[in-house]
Amino acid sequence: MKFQLDRLPVSLFASVMGLMGVALLSLLIEKHFSIAWRISFLWAILGITVFILITNLYLFKVVLYFKAVKEEFFYPVGISFFATITSAQC
């Protein structure tokens, strides 16, 4: 099966926000119940790793398939997902 980099959606950055949200939730649970498991740290590491992976893949897409990125940017529905890139960094 061939990986199609030109079809990589920018909306994948929203998954990073979800992973980091789970990390924050697990941190609150750990603090509330005084649990020293540090599962929140593992969720945060997973979120950071996924962010780095998606960022690198999307940078390759920008370099190799700039026309596809430009079309995705000017698509009325897809343009709203470009904000998730900056939101995922917070």
C-alpha atoms as a PDB file:
ATOM      1  CA  MET A   1       0.000   0.000   0.000  1.00  0.00           C
ATOM      2  CA  LYS A   2       1.437   3.318  -1.088  1.00  0.00           C
ATOM      3  CA  PHE A   3       1.483   6.213   1.377  1.00  0.00           C
ATOM      4  CA  GLN A   4      -0.075   9.240  -0.283  1.00  0.00           C
ATOM      5  CA  LEU A   5       1.555  12.273   1.272  1.00  0.00           C
ATOM      6  CA  ASP A   6      -0.405  14.685  -0.906  1.00  0.00           C
ATOM      7  CA  ARG A   7      -3.626  13.547   0.814  1.00  0.00           C
ATOM      8  CA  LEU A   8      -2.373  14.155   4.362  1.00  0.00           C
ATOM      9  CA  PRO A   9      -5.001  16.423   5.948  1.00  0.00           C
ATOM     10  CA  VAL A  10      -4.103  19.404   8.092  1.00  0.00           C
ATOM     11  CA  SER A  11      -6.906  18.369  10.440  1.00  0.00           C
ATOM     12  CA  LEU A  12      -4.593  15.717  11.921  1.00  0.00           C
ATOM     13  CA  PHE A  13      -3.231  18.457  14.179  1.00  0.00           C
ATOM     14  CA  ALA A  14      -6.563  18.322  16.008  1.00  0.00           C
ATOM     15  CA  SER A  15      -5.610  14.838  17.233  1.00  0.00           C
ATOM     16  CA  VAL A  16      -2.656  16.399  19.060  1.00  0.00           C
ATOM     17  CA  MET A  17      -5.050  18.706  20.890  1.00  0.00           C
ATOM     18  CA  GLY A  18      -7.076  15.648  21.894  1.00  0.00           C
ATOM     19  CA  LEU A  19      -4.027  13.795  23.190  1.00  0.00           C
ATOM     20  CA  MET A  20      -2.847  16.789  25.173  1.00  0.00           C
ATOM     21  CA  GLY A  21      -6.363  17.218  26.559  1.00  0.00           C
ATOM     22  CA  VAL A  22      -6.226  13.638  27.825  1.00  0.00           C
ATOM     23  CA  ALA A  23      -2.836  14.409  29.375  1.00  0.00           C
ATOM     24  CA  LEU A  24      -4.273  17.411  31.203  1.00  0.00           C
ATOM     25  CA  LEU A  25      -7.294  15.438  32.356  1.00  0.00           C
ATOM     26  CA  SER A  26      -5.147  12.608  33.683  1.00  0.00           C
ATOM     27  CA  LEU A  27      -2.950  15.170  35.471  1.00  0.00           C
ATOM     28  CA  LEU A  28      -6.022  16.601  37.204  1.00  0.00           C
ATOM     29  CA  ILE A  29      -7.170  13.105  38.176  1.00  0.00           C
ATOM     30  CA  GLU A  30      -3.717  12.292  39.557  1.00  0.00           C
ATOM     31  CA  LYS A  31      -3.694  15.470  41.645  1.00  0.00           C
ATOM     32  CA  HIS A  32      -7.287  15.098  42.844  1.00  0.00           C
ATOM     33  CA  PHE A  33      -6.907  11.499  43.970  1.00  0.00           C
ATOM     34  CA  SER A  34      -3.228  11.861  45.038  1.00  0.00           C
ATOM     35  CA  ILE A  35      -2.065   9.185  42.628  1.00  0.00           C
ATOM     36  CA  ALA A  36       1.632   9.034  41.777  1.00  0.00           C
ATOM     37  CA  TRP A  37       1.308   7.021  38.576  1.00  0.00           C
ATOM     38  CA  ARG A  38       2.413   9.831  36.242  1.00  0.00           C
ATOM     39  CA  ILE A  39       0.311   8.511  33.369  1.00  0.00           C
ATOM     40  CA  SER A  40      -0.238  12.137  32.381  1.00  0.00           C
ATOM     41  CA  PHE A  41       3.469  12.374  31.587  1.00  0.00           C
ATOM     42  CA  LEU A  42       3.171   9.413  29.205  1.00  0.00           C
ATOM     43  CA  TRP A  43       0.149  11.001  27.494  1.00  0.00           C
ATOM     44  CA  ALA A  44       2.085  14.260  27.127  1.00  0.00           C
ATOM     45  CA  ILE A  45       5.093  12.457  25.638  1.00  0.00           C
ATOM     46  CA  LEU A  46       2.778  10.664  23.204  1.00  0.00           C
ATOM     47  CA  GLY A  47       1.154  13.982  22.239  1.00  0.00           C
ATOM     48  CA  ILE A  48       4.516  15.658  21.676  1.00  0.00           C
ATOM     49  CA  THR A  49       5.747  12.706  19.615  1.00  0.00           C
ATOM     50  CA  VAL A  50       2.621  12.727  17.445  1.00  0.00           C
ATOM     51  CA  PHE A  51       2.950  16.501  17.013  1.00  0.00           C
ATOM     52  CA  ILE A  52       6.557  16.188  15.845  1.00  0.00           C
ATOM     53  CA  LEU A  53       5.646  13.347  13.481  1.00  0.00           C
ATOM     54  CA  ILE A  54       2.687  15.176  11.936  1.00  0.00           C
ATOM     55  CA  THR A  55       4.669  18.426  11.679  1.00  0.00           C
ATOM     56  CA  ASN A  56       7.500  16.698   9.814  1.00  0.00           C
ATOM     57  CA  LEU A  57       5.102  14.918   7.475  1.00  0.00           C
ATOM     58  CA  TYR A  58       3.222  18.127   6.761  1.00  0.00           C
ATOM     59  CA  LEU A  59       6.476  20.010   6.109  1.00  0.00           C
ATOM     60  CA  PHE A  60       7.381  17.314   3.569  1.00  0.00           C
ATOM     61  CA  LYS A  61       3.957  17.808   2.035  1.00  0.00           C
ATOM     62  CA  VAL A  62       4.551  21.567   1.791  1.00  0.00           C
ATOM     63  CA  VAL A  63       7.891  21.014   0.080  1.00  0.00           C
ATOM     64  CA  LEU A  64       6.817  18.222  -2.273  1.00  0.00           C
ATOM     65  CA  TYR A  65       3.144  19.058  -2.909  1.00  0.00           C
ATOM     66  CA  PHE A  66       2.808  22.808  -2.419  1.00  0.00           C
ATOM     67  CA  LYS A  67      -0.093  22.964  -4.863  1.00  0.00           C
ATOM     68  CA  ALA A  68      -2.090  20.493  -2.734  1.00  0.00           C
ATOM     69  CA  VAL A  69      -1.400  22.556   0.412  1.00  0.00           C
ATOM     70  CA  LYS A  70      -2.478  25.717  -1.385  1.00  0.00           C
ATOM     71  CA  GLU A  71      -5.719  24.056  -2.550  1.00  0.00           C
ATOM     72  CA  GLU A  72      -6.368  22.811   0.980  1.00  0.00           C
ATOM     73  CA  PHE A  73      -5.765  26.309   2.363  1.00  0.00           C
ATOM     74  CA  PHE A  74      -8.297  27.880   0.007  1.00  0.00           C
ATOM     75  CA  TYR A  75     -10.931  25.190   0.582  1.00  0.00           C
ATOM     76  CA  PRO A  76     -13.718  26.825   2.672  1.00  0.00           C
ATOM     77  CA  VAL A  77     -14.030  23.948   5.136  1.00  0.00           C
ATOM     78  CA  GLY A  78     -10.374  22.995   5.325  1.00  0.00           C
ATOM     79  CA  ILE A  79      -9.059  26.473   6.033  1.00  0.00           C
ATOM     80  CA  SER A  80     -10.485  26.394   9.547  1.00  0.00           C
ATOM     81  CA  PHE A  81      -8.213  23.477  10.441  1.00  0.00           C
ATOM     82  CA  PHE A  82      -5.039  25.481   9.779  1.00  0.00           C
ATOM     83  CA  ALA A  83      -5.612  27.161  13.148  1.00  0.00           C
ATOM     84  CA  THR A  84      -5.211  23.779  14.844  1.00  0.00           C
ATOM     85  CA  ILE A  85      -1.504  23.860  13.992  1.00  0.00           C
ATOM     86  CA  THR A  86      -0.899  26.803  16.305  1.00  0.00           C
ATOM     87  CA  SER A  87      -3.366  25.528  18.898  1.00  0.00           C
ATOM     88  CA  ALA A  88      -1.598  22.170  19.063  1.00  0.00           C
ATOM     89  CA  GLN A  89       1.661  23.902  20.038  1.00  0.00           C
ATOM     90  CA  CYS A  90       0.265  25.395  23.261  1.00  0.00           C
END
